[in-house]
């Protein structure tokens, strides 16, 4: 699992029928220097929130038994994040 911040929302007028009614969010990963990515929202996250997301084939599992074709999904909203000194 990864942590990121919602930086926007993506609107697509043409998409796979299994994505209809699903919110597409633009995320900025918080670890490393990864580029922003698009993820399907499974939890109702909004702009500016810190979220937990998963990538890869397992991302579609968040929507079972429905099949949603995705390789990234938001699966949690972070209430509090505390960074500890090494």
PDB file of N, CA and C in Angstrom:
ATOM      1  N   UNK A   1       0.844  -1.179   0.000  1.00  0.00           N
ATOM      2  CA  UNK A   1       0.000   0.000   0.000  1.00  0.00           C
ATOM      3  C   UNK A   1       0.883   1.233   0.000  1.00  0.00           C
ATOM      4  N   UNK A   2       0.333   2.298  -0.538  1.00  0.00           N
ATOM      5  CA  UNK A   2       1.066   3.543  -0.696  1.00  0.00           C
ATOM      6  C   UNK A   2       0.236   4.693  -0.139  1.00  0.00           C
ATOM      7  N   UNK A   3       0.911   5.792   0.165  1.00  0.00           N
ATOM      8  CA  UNK A   3       0.228   6.984   0.667  1.00  0.00           C
ATOM      9  C   UNK A   3       0.404   8.104  -0.347  1.00  0.00           C
ATOM     10  N   UNK A   4      -0.685   8.830  -0.599  1.00  0.00           N
ATOM     11  CA  UNK A   4      -0.644   9.936  -1.543  1.00  0.00           C
ATOM     12  C   UNK A   4      -1.647  11.007  -1.169  1.00  0.00           C
ATOM     13  N   UNK A   5      -1.614  12.110  -1.894  1.00  0.00           N
ATOM     14  CA  UNK A   5      -2.548  13.211  -1.669  1.00  0.00           C
ATOM     15  C   UNK A   5      -3.368  13.428  -2.931  1.00  0.00           C
ATOM     16  N   UNK A   6      -4.674  13.627  -2.750  1.00  0.00           N
ATOM     17  CA  UNK A   6      -5.566  13.872  -3.886  1.00  0.00           C
ATOM     18  C   UNK A   6      -5.318  15.299  -4.365  1.00  0.00           C
ATOM     19  N   UNK A   7      -4.915  15.430  -5.630  1.00  0.00           N
ATOM     20  CA  UNK A   7      -4.617  16.757  -6.171  1.00  0.00           C
ATOM     21  C   UNK A   7      -5.631  17.194  -7.220  1.00  0.00           C
ATOM     22  N   UNK A   8      -6.590  16.323  -7.525  1.00  0.00           N
ATOM     23  CA  UNK A   8      -7.598  16.702  -8.507  1.00  0.00           C
ATOM     24  C   UNK A   8      -8.488  15.540  -8.887  1.00  0.00           C
ATOM     25  N   UNK A   9      -9.377  15.833  -9.810  1.00  0.00           N
ATOM     26  CA  UNK A   9     -10.324  14.828 -10.281  1.00  0.00           C
ATOM     27  C   UNK A   9     -10.246  14.786 -11.799  1.00  0.00           C
ATOM     28  N   UNK A  10     -10.367  13.604 -12.357  1.00  0.00           N
ATOM     29  CA  UNK A  10     -10.304  13.422 -13.793  1.00  0.00           C
ATOM     30  C   UNK A  10     -11.715  13.125 -14.307  1.00  0.00           C
ATOM     31  N   UNK A  11     -12.107  13.790 -15.374  1.00  0.00           N
ATOM     32  CA  UNK A  11     -13.403  13.546 -16.004  1.00  0.00           C
ATOM     33  C   UNK A  11     -13.150  12.991 -17.390  1.00  0.00           C
ATOM     34  N   UNK A  12     -13.767  11.841 -17.691  1.00  0.00           N
ATOM     35  CA  UNK A  12     -13.619  11.216 -18.996  1.00  0.00           C
ATOM     36  C   UNK A  12     -15.009  10.928 -19.560  1.00  0.00           C
ATOM     37  N   UNK A  13     -15.285  11.457 -20.730  1.00  0.00           N
ATOM     38  CA  UNK A  13     -16.600  11.235 -21.320  1.00  0.00           C
ATOM     39  C   UNK A  13     -16.682   9.886 -22.013  1.00  0.00           C
ATOM     40  N   UNK A  14     -15.563   9.346 -22.455  1.00  0.00           N
ATOM     41  CA  UNK A  14     -15.513   8.034 -23.085  1.00  0.00           C
ATOM     42  C   UNK A  14     -14.642   7.134 -22.220  1.00  0.00           C
ATOM     43  N   UNK A  15     -15.229   6.063 -21.694  1.00  0.00           N
ATOM     44  CA  UNK A  15     -14.465   5.141 -20.861  1.00  0.00           C
ATOM     45  C   UNK A  15     -15.118   3.771 -20.885  1.00  0.00           C
ATOM     46  N   UNK A  16     -14.447   2.796 -20.340  1.00  0.00           N
ATOM     47  CA  UNK A  16     -14.966   1.442 -20.251  1.00  0.00           C
ATOM     48  C   UNK A  16     -16.307   1.459 -19.523  1.00  0.00           C
ATOM     49  N   UNK A  17     -17.287   0.710 -19.986  1.00  0.00           N
ATOM     50  CA  UNK A  17     -18.598   0.706 -19.330  1.00  0.00           C
ATOM     51  C   UNK A  17     -18.546   0.327 -17.847  1.00  0.00           C
ATOM     52  N   UNK A  18     -17.564  -0.468 -17.445  1.00  0.00           N
ATOM     53  CA  UNK A  18     -17.443  -0.862 -16.036  1.00  0.00           C
ATOM     54  C   UNK A  18     -16.907   0.265 -15.150  1.00  0.00           C
ATOM     55  N   UNK A  19     -16.481   1.370 -15.757  1.00  0.00           N
ATOM     56  CA  UNK A  19     -16.024   2.529 -14.986  1.00  0.00           C
ATOM     57  C   UNK A  19     -17.123   3.578 -14.806  1.00  0.00           C
ATOM     58  N   UNK A  20     -18.281   3.353 -15.414  1.00  0.00           N
ATOM     59  CA  UNK A  20     -19.379   4.317 -15.272  1.00  0.00           C
ATOM     60  C   UNK A  20     -19.788   4.436 -13.815  1.00  0.00           C
ATOM     61  N   UNK A  21     -19.928   5.679 -13.373  1.00  0.00           N
ATOM     62  CA  UNK A  21     -20.320   5.933 -11.988  1.00  0.00           C
ATOM     63  C   UNK A  21     -19.171   5.897 -11.003  1.00  0.00           C
ATOM     64  N   UNK A  22     -17.968   5.638 -11.466  1.00  0.00           N
ATOM     65  CA  UNK A  22     -16.793   5.599 -10.593  1.00  0.00           C
ATOM     66  C   UNK A  22     -16.045   6.921 -10.691  1.00  0.00           C
ATOM     67  N   UNK A  23     -15.569   7.412  -9.553  1.00  0.00           N
ATOM     68  CA  UNK A  23     -14.819   8.674  -9.510  1.00  0.00           C
ATOM     69  C   UNK A  23     -13.343   8.389  -9.771  1.00  0.00           C
ATOM     70  N   UNK A  24     -12.754   9.146 -10.690  1.00  0.00           N
ATOM     71  CA  UNK A  24     -11.332   9.030 -11.008  1.00  0.00           C
ATOM     72  C   UNK A  24     -10.599  10.195 -10.355  1.00  0.00           C
ATOM     73  N   UNK A  25      -9.597   9.882  -9.535  1.00  0.00           N
ATOM     74  CA  UNK A  25      -8.855  10.900  -8.798  1.00  0.00           C
ATOM     75  C   UNK A  25      -7.410  10.970  -9.263  1.00  0.00           C
ATOM     76  N   UNK A  26      -6.860  12.180  -9.292  1.00  0.00           N
ATOM     77  CA  UNK A  26      -5.440  12.389  -9.564  1.00  0.00           C
ATOM     78  C   UNK A  26      -4.733  12.412  -8.216  1.00  0.00           C
ATOM     79  N   UNK A  27      -3.704  11.580  -8.065  1.00  0.00           N
ATOM     80  CA  UNK A  27      -2.966  11.472  -6.809  1.00  0.00           C
ATOM     81  C   UNK A  27      -1.510  11.858  -6.998  1.00  0.00           C
ATOM     82  N   UNK A  28      -0.960  12.481  -5.972  1.00  0.00           N
ATOM     83  CA  UNK A  28       0.475  12.743  -5.917  1.00  0.00           C
ATOM     84  C   UNK A  28       1.041  11.857  -4.815  1.00  0.00           C
ATOM     85  N   UNK A  29       1.843  10.844  -5.170  1.00  0.00           N
ATOM     86  CA  UNK A  29       2.444   9.995  -4.145  1.00  0.00           C
ATOM     87  C   UNK A  29       3.311  10.814  -3.190  1.00  0.00           C
ATOM     88  N   UNK A  30       3.299  10.453  -1.906  1.00  0.00           N
ATOM     89  CA  UNK A  30       4.063  11.199  -0.908  1.00  0.00           C
ATOM     90  C   UNK A  30       5.470  10.646  -0.711  1.00  0.00           C
ATOM     91  N   UNK A  31       5.726   9.412  -1.125  1.00  0.00           N
ATOM     92  CA  UNK A  31       7.050   8.821  -0.956  1.00  0.00           C
ATOM     93  C   UNK A  31       7.831   8.897  -2.266  1.00  0.00           C
ATOM     94  N   UNK A  32       9.090   9.237  -2.173  1.00  0.00           N
ATOM     95  CA  UNK A  32       9.944   9.259  -3.350  1.00  0.00           C
ATOM     96  C   UNK A  32       9.613  10.395  -4.300  1.00  0.00           C
ATOM     97  N   UNK A  33       9.999  10.209  -5.533  1.00  0.00           N
ATOM     98  CA  UNK A  33       9.777  11.228  -6.563  1.00  0.00           C
ATOM     99  C   UNK A  33       8.884  10.691  -7.677  1.00  0.00           C
ATOM    100  N   UNK A  34       7.870   9.957  -7.284  1.00  0.00           N
ATOM    101  CA  UNK A  34       6.958   9.398  -8.275  1.00  0.00           C
ATOM    102  C   UNK A  34       6.112  10.478  -8.914  1.00  0.00           C
ATOM    103  N   UNK A  35       5.717  10.232 -10.145  1.00  0.00           N
ATOM    104  CA  UNK A  35       4.848  11.157 -10.867  1.00  0.00           C
ATOM    105  C   UNK A  35       3.404  10.976 -10.410  1.00  0.00           C
ATOM    106  N   UNK A  36       2.583  11.992 -10.604  1.00  0.00           N
ATOM    107  CA  UNK A  36       1.162  11.856 -10.281  1.00  0.00           C
ATOM    108  C   UNK A  36       0.530  10.711 -11.084  1.00  0.00           C
ATOM    109  N   UNK A  37      -0.531  10.141 -10.538  1.00  0.00           N
ATOM    110  CA  UNK A  37      -1.209   9.035 -11.191  1.00  0.00           C
ATOM    111  C   UNK A  37      -2.715   9.172 -11.028  1.00  0.00           C
ATOM    112  N   UNK A  38      -3.453   8.388 -11.799  1.00  0.00           N
ATOM    113  CA  UNK A  38      -4.909   8.379 -11.728  1.00  0.00           C
ATOM    114  C   UNK A  38      -5.331   7.083 -11.045  1.00  0.00           C
ATOM    115  N   UNK A  39      -6.247   7.182 -10.086  1.00  0.00           N
ATOM    116  CA  UNK A  39      -6.751   6.013  -9.368  1.00  0.00           C
ATOM    117  C   UNK A  39      -8.271   6.081  -9.286  1.00  0.00           C
ATOM    118  N   UNK A  40      -8.904   4.914  -9.258  1.00  0.00           N
ATOM    119  CA  UNK A  40     -10.346   4.833  -9.097  1.00  0.00           C
ATOM    120  C   UNK A  40     -10.647   4.884  -7.597  1.00  0.00           C
ATOM    121  N   UNK A  41     -11.612   5.715  -7.215  1.00  0.00           N
ATOM    122  CA  UNK A  41     -11.940   5.923  -5.807  1.00  0.00           C
ATOM    123  C   UNK A  41     -12.928   4.871  -5.312  1.00  0.00           C
ATOM    124  N   UNK A  42     -12.553   4.138  -4.250  1.00  0.00           N
ATOM    125  CA  UNK A  42     -13.427   3.129  -3.660  1.00  0.00           C
ATOM    126  C   UNK A  42     -13.993   3.575  -2.315  1.00  0.00           C
ATOM    127  N   UNK A  43     -13.574   4.751  -1.811  1.00  0.00           N
ATOM    128  CA  UNK A  43     -13.953   5.148  -0.448  1.00  0.00           C
ATOM    129  C   UNK A  43     -14.573   6.537  -0.324  1.00  0.00           C
ATOM    130  N   UNK A  44     -14.690   7.279  -1.394  1.00  0.00           N
ATOM    131  CA  UNK A  44     -15.291   8.610  -1.318  1.00  0.00           C
ATOM    132  C   UNK A  44     -14.338   9.710  -0.901  1.00  0.00           C
ATOM    133  N   UNK A  45     -13.093   9.627  -1.318  1.00  0.00           N
ATOM    134  CA  UNK A  45     -12.091  10.646  -0.978  1.00  0.00           C
ATOM    135  C   UNK A  45     -12.335  11.921  -1.782  1.00  0.00           C
ATOM    136  N   UNK A  46     -11.815  13.026  -1.251  1.00  0.00           N
ATOM    137  CA  UNK A  46     -11.982  14.314  -1.915  1.00  0.00           C
ATOM    138  C   UNK A  46     -10.670  15.057  -2.070  1.00  0.00           C
ATOM    139  N   UNK A  47     -10.729  16.204  -2.722  1.00  0.00           N
ATOM    140  CA  UNK A  47      -9.543  17.011  -3.002  1.00  0.00           C
ATOM    141  C   UNK A  47      -8.816  17.393  -1.725  1.00  0.00           C
ATOM    142  N   UNK A  48      -7.498  17.276  -1.746  1.00  0.00           N
ATOM    143  CA  UNK A  48      -6.654  17.670  -0.631  1.00  0.00           C
ATOM    144  C   UNK A  48      -6.489  16.617   0.450  1.00  0.00           C
ATOM    145  N   UNK A  49      -7.246  15.533   0.389  1.00  0.00           N
ATOM    146  CA  UNK A  49      -7.142  14.504   1.423  1.00  0.00           C
ATOM    147  C   UNK A  49      -5.936  13.614   1.191  1.00  0.00           C
ATOM    148  N   UNK A  50      -5.387  13.103   2.295  1.00  0.00           N
ATOM    149  CA  UNK A  50      -4.314  12.130   2.240  1.00  0.00           C
ATOM    150  C   UNK A  50      -4.974  10.758   2.217  1.00  0.00           C
ATOM    151  N   UNK A  51      -4.548   9.912   1.275  1.00  0.00           N
ATOM    152  CA  UNK A  51      -5.215   8.633   1.071  1.00  0.00           C
ATOM    153  C   UNK A  51      -4.220   7.481   1.002  1.00  0.00           C
ATOM    154  N   UNK A  52      -4.751   6.276   1.184  1.00  0.00           N
ATOM    155  CA  UNK A  52      -3.994   5.052   0.977  1.00  0.00           C
ATOM    156  C   UNK A  52      -4.463   4.493  -0.356  1.00  0.00           C
ATOM    157  N   UNK A  53      -3.516   4.149  -1.216  1.00  0.00           N
ATOM    158  CA  UNK A  53      -3.892   3.571  -2.500  1.00  0.00           C
ATOM    159  C   UNK A  53      -3.066   2.325  -2.764  1.00  0.00           C
ATOM    160  N   UNK A  54      -3.600   1.484  -3.617  1.00  0.00           N
ATOM    161  CA  UNK A  54      -2.923   0.245  -3.975  1.00  0.00           C
ATOM    162  C   UNK A  54      -2.788   0.202  -5.488  1.00  0.00           C
ATOM    163  N   UNK A  55      -1.713  -0.397  -5.954  1.00  0.00           N
ATOM    164  CA  UNK A  55      -1.451  -0.459  -7.394  1.00  0.00           C
ATOM    165  C   UNK A  55      -1.347  -1.908  -7.833  1.00  0.00           C
ATOM    166  N   UNK A  56      -1.513  -2.111  -9.122  1.00  0.00           N
ATOM    167  CA  UNK A  56      -1.386  -3.446  -9.689  1.00  0.00           C
ATOM    168  C   UNK A  56      -2.733  -4.134  -9.827  1.00  0.00           C
ATOM    169  N   UNK A  57      -2.685  -5.401 -10.155  1.00  0.00           N
ATOM    170  CA  UNK A  57      -3.883  -6.189 -10.386  1.00  0.00           C
ATOM    171  C   UNK A  57      -4.827  -6.179  -9.190  1.00  0.00           C
ATOM    172  N   UNK A  58      -4.269  -6.137  -7.991  1.00  0.00           N
ATOM    173  CA  UNK A  58      -5.063  -6.165  -6.770  1.00  0.00           C
ATOM    174  C   UNK A  58      -5.952  -4.938  -6.599  1.00  0.00           C
ATOM    175  N   UNK A  59      -5.670  -3.862  -7.316  1.00  0.00           N
ATOM    176  CA  UNK A  59      -6.472  -2.640  -7.197  1.00  0.00           C
ATOM    177  C   UNK A  59      -7.928  -2.906  -7.548  1.00  0.00           C
ATOM    178  N   UNK A  60      -8.185  -3.776  -8.506  1.00  0.00           N
ATOM    179  CA  UNK A  60      -9.565  -4.068  -8.892  1.00  0.00           C
ATOM    180  C   UNK A  60     -10.311  -4.867  -7.830  1.00  0.00           C
ATOM    181  N   UNK A  61      -9.592  -5.504  -6.893  1.00  0.00           N
ATOM    182  CA  UNK A  61     -10.234  -6.285  -5.837  1.00  0.00           C
ATOM    183  C   UNK A  61     -11.065  -5.407  -4.906  1.00  0.00           C
ATOM    184  N   UNK A  62     -10.778  -4.121  -4.837  1.00  0.00           N
ATOM    185  CA  UNK A  62     -11.519  -3.210  -3.950  1.00  0.00           C
ATOM    186  C   UNK A  62     -12.978  -3.083  -4.371  1.00  0.00           C
ATOM    187  N   UNK A  63     -13.299  -3.494  -5.587  1.00  0.00           N
ATOM    188  CA  UNK A  63     -14.655  -3.331  -6.114  1.00  0.00           C
ATOM    189  C   UNK A  63     -15.400  -4.656  -6.266  1.00  0.00           C
ATOM    190  N   UNK A  64     -14.822  -5.762  -5.812  1.00  0.00           N
ATOM    191  CA  UNK A  64     -15.470  -7.070  -5.944  1.00  0.00           C
ATOM    192  C   UNK A  64     -16.830  -7.070  -5.265  1.00  0.00           C
ATOM    193  N   UNK A  65     -17.822  -7.744  -5.804  1.00  0.00           N
ATOM    194  CA  UNK A  65     -17.783  -8.703  -6.907  1.00  0.00           C
ATOM    195  C   UNK A  65     -17.860  -8.051  -8.282  1.00  0.00           C
ATOM    196  N   UNK A  66     -17.998  -6.734  -8.325  1.00  0.00           N
ATOM    197  CA  UNK A  66     -18.028  -6.014  -9.597  1.00  0.00           C
ATOM    198  C   UNK A  66     -16.622  -5.980 -10.189  1.00  0.00           C
ATOM    199  N   UNK A  67     -16.516  -6.100 -11.519  1.00  0.00           N
ATOM    200  CA  UNK A  67     -15.214  -5.985 -12.173  1.00  0.00           C
ATOM    201  C   UNK A  67     -15.011  -4.546 -12.627  1.00  0.00           C
ATOM    202  N   UNK A  68     -13.964  -3.914 -12.115  1.00  0.00           N
ATOM    203  CA  UNK A  68     -13.603  -2.555 -12.513  1.00  0.00           C
ATOM    204  C   UNK A  68     -12.170  -2.607 -13.046  1.00  0.00           C
ATOM    205  N   UNK A  69     -11.963  -2.306 -14.337  1.00  0.00           N
ATOM    206  CA  UNK A  69     -10.623  -2.378 -14.913  1.00  0.00           C
ATOM    207  C   UNK A  69      -9.757  -1.200 -14.450  1.00  0.00           C
ATOM    208  N   UNK A  70      -8.850  -1.473 -13.530  1.00  0.00           N
ATOM    209  CA  UNK A  70      -7.977  -0.399 -13.030  1.00  0.00           C
ATOM    210  C   UNK A  70      -6.663  -1.000 -12.555  1.00  0.00           C
ATOM    211  N   UNK A  71      -5.633  -0.160 -12.501  1.00  0.00           N
ATOM    212  CA  UNK A  71      -4.362  -0.598 -11.943  1.00  0.00           C
ATOM    213  C   UNK A  71      -3.961   0.242 -10.737  1.00  0.00           C
ATOM    214  N   UNK A  72      -4.863   1.119 -10.290  1.00  0.00           N
ATOM    215  CA  UNK A  72      -4.661   1.880  -9.052  1.00  0.00           C
ATOM    216  C   UNK A  72      -6.031   2.202  -8.465  1.00  0.00           C
ATOM    217  N   UNK A  73      -6.154   2.020  -7.142  1.00  0.00           N
ATOM    218  CA  UNK A  73      -7.426   2.301  -6.473  1.00  0.00           C
ATOM    219  C   UNK A  73      -7.165   2.916  -5.102  1.00  0.00           C
ATOM    220  N   UNK A  74      -7.975   3.910  -4.753  1.00  0.00           N
ATOM    221  CA  UNK A  74      -7.918   4.509  -3.419  1.00  0.00           C
ATOM    222  C   UNK A  74      -8.741   3.603  -2.511  1.00  0.00           C
ATOM    223  N   UNK A  75      -8.100   3.083  -1.434  1.00  0.00           N
ATOM    224  CA  UNK A  75      -8.760   2.127  -0.551  1.00  0.00           C
ATOM    225  C   UNK A  75      -8.903   2.624   0.880  1.00  0.00           C
ATOM    226  N   UNK A  76      -8.402   3.818   1.181  1.00  0.00           N
ATOM    227  CA  UNK A  76      -8.534   4.352   2.534  1.00  0.00           C
ATOM    228  C   UNK A  76      -8.225   5.837   2.585  1.00  0.00           C
ATOM    229  N   UNK A  77      -8.804   6.491   3.593  1.00  0.00           N
ATOM    230  CA  UNK A  77      -8.539   7.911   3.840  1.00  0.00           C
ATOM    231  C   UNK A  77      -7.761   8.004   5.150  1.00  0.00           C
ATOM    232  N   UNK A  78      -6.632   8.706   5.124  1.00  0.00           N
ATOM    233  CA  UNK A  78      -5.764   8.830   6.298  1.00  0.00           C
ATOM    234  C   UNK A  78      -6.318   9.906   7.229  1.00  0.00           C
ATOM    235  N   UNK A  79      -6.546   9.533   8.492  1.00  0.00           N
ATOM    236  CA  UNK A  79      -7.015  10.504   9.488  1.00  0.00           C
ATOM    237  C   UNK A  79      -5.845  11.283  10.071  1.00  0.00           C
ATOM    238  N   UNK A  80      -4.724  10.592  10.315  1.00  0.00           N
ATOM    239  CA  UNK A  80      -3.586  11.226  10.950  1.00  0.00           C
ATOM    240  C   UNK A  80      -2.320  10.524  10.463  1.00  0.00           C
ATOM    241  N   UNK A  81      -1.301  11.299  10.159  1.00  0.00           N
ATOM    242  CA  UNK A  81      -0.027  10.763   9.695  1.00  0.00           C
ATOM    243  C   UNK A  81       1.067  11.329  10.583  1.00  0.00           C
ATOM    244  N   UNK A  82       1.820  10.445  11.220  1.00  0.00           N
ATOM    245  CA  UNK A  82       2.899  10.871  12.098  1.00  0.00           C
ATOM    246  C   UNK A  82       4.205  10.275  11.597  1.00  0.00           C
ATOM    247  N   UNK A  83       5.140  11.132  11.288  1.00  0.00           N
ATOM    248  CA  UNK A  83       6.456  10.671  10.849  1.00  0.00           C
ATOM    249  C   UNK A  83       7.373  10.612  12.063  1.00  0.00           C
ATOM    250  N   UNK A  84       8.054   9.496  12.200  1.00  0.00           N
ATOM    251  CA  UNK A  84       8.969   9.298  13.344  1.00  0.00           C
ATOM    252  C   UNK A  84      10.399   9.457  12.890  1.00  0.00           C
ATOM    253  N   UNK A  85      11.212   9.962  13.782  1.00  0.00           N
ATOM    254  CA  UNK A  85      12.650  10.103  13.517  1.00  0.00           C
ATOM    255  C   UNK A  85      13.284   8.722  13.525  1.00  0.00           C
ATOM    256  N   UNK A  86      14.254   8.469  12.633  1.00  0.00           N
ATOM    257  CA  UNK A  86      14.931   7.141  12.608  1.00  0.00           C
ATOM    258  C   UNK A  86      15.796   6.911  13.817  1.00  0.00           C
TER     259      UNK A  86
END
